[in-house]
Amino acid sequence: MPTSHSPQTVSCESLLAFQSALKTAKHDISNTFAVLLALAELAEANPSNYQRLAHLVIERCPKVISELQSLQDNLASLVEEPKLTQPQ
């Protein structure tokens, strides 16, 4: 991480790739929360659906966490201070 506030240049391709990853993560997170809400509502109305929806939540949560970590890593690489190469 840069310690100063020096200007940095990020390529358009890098920003587009990050935007795409962010869009995918947002979709997956929204989808997981929709399942959680459905789980809560259906558990009250029909407990037999509870197990099936709980299984979906258990499957999706690790994927969401992994995508968030990947986004964090991608963002960190975009703002990483360029490393100076040593002359040989």
C-alpha atoms as a PDB file:
ATOM      1  CA  MET A   1       0.000   0.000   0.000  1.00  0.00           C
ATOM      2  CA  PRO A   2       1.324   3.428  -0.820  1.00  0.00           C
ATOM      3  CA  THR A   3       2.216   5.548   2.154  1.00  0.00           C
ATOM      4  CA  SER A   4       2.134   8.840   0.277  1.00  0.00           C
ATOM      5  CA  HIS A   5      -0.594  10.426  -1.759  1.00  0.00           C
ATOM      6  CA  SER A   6       1.294  10.313  -5.019  1.00  0.00           C
ATOM      7  CA  PRO A   7      -0.824  10.024  -8.168  1.00  0.00           C
ATOM      8  CA  GLN A   8      -1.098   6.590  -9.697  1.00  0.00           C
ATOM      9  CA  THR A   9      -2.179   5.398 -13.103  1.00  0.00           C
ATOM     10  CA  VAL A  10      -4.472   2.401 -13.448  1.00  0.00           C
ATOM     11  CA  SER A  11      -5.136   0.885 -16.833  1.00  0.00           C
ATOM     12  CA  CYS A  12      -8.620   0.911 -18.264  1.00  0.00           C
ATOM     13  CA  GLU A  13      -8.471  -2.873 -18.608  1.00  0.00           C
ATOM     14  CA  SER A  14      -7.688  -3.258 -14.903  1.00  0.00           C
ATOM     15  CA  LEU A  15     -10.597  -1.040 -13.943  1.00  0.00           C
ATOM     16  CA  LEU A  16     -12.970  -2.884 -16.266  1.00  0.00           C
ATOM     17  CA  ALA A  17     -11.882  -6.239 -14.840  1.00  0.00           C
ATOM     18  CA  PHE A  18     -12.396  -4.939 -11.304  1.00  0.00           C
ATOM     19  CA  GLN A  19     -15.811  -3.534 -12.248  1.00  0.00           C
ATOM     20  CA  SER A  20     -16.825  -6.905 -13.680  1.00  0.00           C
ATOM     21  CA  ALA A  21     -15.666  -8.744 -10.556  1.00  0.00           C
ATOM     22  CA  LEU A  22     -17.513  -6.245  -8.365  1.00  0.00           C
ATOM     23  CA  LYS A  23     -20.701  -6.680 -10.412  1.00  0.00           C
ATOM     24  CA  THR A  24     -20.505 -10.472 -10.057  1.00  0.00           C
ATOM     25  CA  ALA A  25     -19.868 -10.263  -6.320  1.00  0.00           C
ATOM     26  CA  LYS A  26     -22.759  -7.832  -5.856  1.00  0.00           C
ATOM     27  CA  HIS A  27     -25.076 -10.193  -7.716  1.00  0.00           C
ATOM     28  CA  ASP A  28     -23.975 -13.213  -5.683  1.00  0.00           C
ATOM     29  CA  ILE A  29     -24.274 -11.358  -2.387  1.00  0.00           C
ATOM     30  CA  SER A  30     -27.746 -10.070  -3.289  1.00  0.00           C
ATOM     31  CA  ASN A  31     -28.765 -13.566  -4.342  1.00  0.00           C
ATOM     32  CA  THR A  32     -27.512 -15.067  -1.073  1.00  0.00           C
ATOM     33  CA  PHE A  33     -29.402 -12.491   0.979  1.00  0.00           C
ATOM     34  CA  ALA A  34     -32.549 -13.161  -1.061  1.00  0.00           C
ATOM     35  CA  VAL A  35     -32.239 -16.848  -0.164  1.00  0.00           C
ATOM     36  CA  LEU A  36     -31.737 -15.916   3.498  1.00  0.00           C
ATOM     37  CA  LEU A  37     -34.893 -13.796   3.458  1.00  0.00           C
ATOM     38  CA  ALA A  38     -36.838 -16.550   1.728  1.00  0.00           C
ATOM     39  CA  LEU A  39     -35.513 -19.000   4.287  1.00  0.00           C
ATOM     40  CA  ALA A  40     -36.786 -16.878   7.149  1.00  0.00           C
ATOM     41  CA  GLU A  41     -40.197 -16.356   5.550  1.00  0.00           C
ATOM     42  CA  LEU A  42     -40.705 -19.959   4.473  1.00  0.00           C
ATOM     43  CA  ALA A  43     -39.518 -21.359   7.769  1.00  0.00           C
ATOM     44  CA  GLU A  44     -42.474 -19.642   9.393  1.00  0.00           C
ATOM     45  CA  ALA A  45     -44.986 -20.697   6.728  1.00  0.00           C
ATOM     46  CA  ASN A  46     -43.703 -24.145   5.768  1.00  0.00           C
ATOM     47  CA  PRO A  47     -40.936 -25.736   7.858  1.00  0.00           C
ATOM     48  CA  SER A  48     -40.390 -28.509   5.280  1.00  0.00           C
ATOM     49  CA  ASN A  49     -38.657 -25.997   2.955  1.00  0.00           C
ATOM     50  CA  TYR A  50     -36.333 -24.893   5.717  1.00  0.00           C
ATOM     51  CA  GLN A  51     -33.748 -27.659   5.224  1.00  0.00           C
ATOM     52  CA  ARG A  52     -33.501 -27.194   1.463  1.00  0.00           C
ATOM     53  CA  LEU A  53     -33.012 -23.431   1.723  1.00  0.00           C
ATOM     54  CA  ALA A  54     -30.610 -23.767   4.643  1.00  0.00           C
ATOM     55  CA  HIS A  55     -28.495 -26.088   2.481  1.00  0.00           C
ATOM     56  CA  LEU A  56     -28.411 -23.435  -0.287  1.00  0.00           C
ATOM     57  CA  VAL A  57     -27.233 -20.808   2.182  1.00  0.00           C
ATOM     58  CA  ILE A  58     -24.505 -23.105   3.490  1.00  0.00           C
ATOM     59  CA  GLU A  59     -23.325 -23.711  -0.091  1.00  0.00           C
ATOM     60  CA  ARG A  60     -23.347 -20.046  -1.133  1.00  0.00           C
ATOM     61  CA  CYS A  61     -21.765 -18.360   1.894  1.00  0.00           C
ATOM     62  CA  PRO A  62     -18.211 -19.657   1.276  1.00  0.00           C
ATOM     63  CA  LYS A  63     -18.455 -18.525  -2.356  1.00  0.00           C
ATOM     64  CA  VAL A  64     -19.466 -15.017  -1.289  1.00  0.00           C
ATOM     65  CA  ILE A  65     -16.605 -14.846   1.217  1.00  0.00           C
ATOM     66  CA  SER A  66     -14.156 -16.037  -1.428  1.00  0.00           C
ATOM     67  CA  GLU A  67     -15.395 -13.442  -3.932  1.00  0.00           C
ATOM     68  CA  LEU A  68     -15.078 -10.658  -1.366  1.00  0.00           C
ATOM     69  CA  GLN A  69     -11.493 -11.730  -0.620  1.00  0.00           C
ATOM     70  CA  SER A  70     -10.744 -11.788  -4.332  1.00  0.00           C
ATOM     71  CA  LEU A  71     -12.179  -8.279  -4.726  1.00  0.00           C
ATOM     72  CA  GLN A  72     -10.050  -7.066  -1.841  1.00  0.00           C
ATOM     73  CA  ASP A  73      -6.957  -8.606  -3.447  1.00  0.00           C
ATOM     74  CA  ASN A  74      -7.811  -7.102  -6.847  1.00  0.00           C
ATOM     75  CA  LEU A  75      -8.317  -3.660  -5.373  1.00  0.00           C
ATOM     76  CA  ALA A  76      -5.076  -3.923  -3.412  1.00  0.00           C
ATOM     77  CA  SER A  77      -3.201  -4.809  -6.601  1.00  0.00           C
ATOM     78  CA  LEU A  78      -4.682  -1.774  -8.366  1.00  0.00           C
ATOM     79  CA  VAL A  79      -3.442   0.651  -5.735  1.00  0.00           C
ATOM     80  CA  GLU A  80      -0.168  -1.092  -4.923  1.00  0.00           C
ATOM     81  CA  GLU A  81       2.871   1.128  -5.009  1.00  0.00           C
ATOM     82  CA  PRO A  82       4.961   0.320  -8.065  1.00  0.00           C
ATOM     83  CA  LYS A  83       8.139  -1.497  -7.141  1.00  0.00           C
ATOM     84  CA  LEU A  84      11.365   0.009  -8.388  1.00  0.00           C
ATOM     85  CA  THR A  85      13.680  -2.367 -10.147  1.00  0.00           C
ATOM     86  CA  GLN A  86      17.325  -2.381  -9.090  1.00  0.00           C
ATOM     87  CA  PRO A  87      19.841  -1.724 -11.860  1.00  0.00           C
ATOM     88  CA  GLN A  88      22.094  -4.679 -12.486  1.00  0.00           C
END
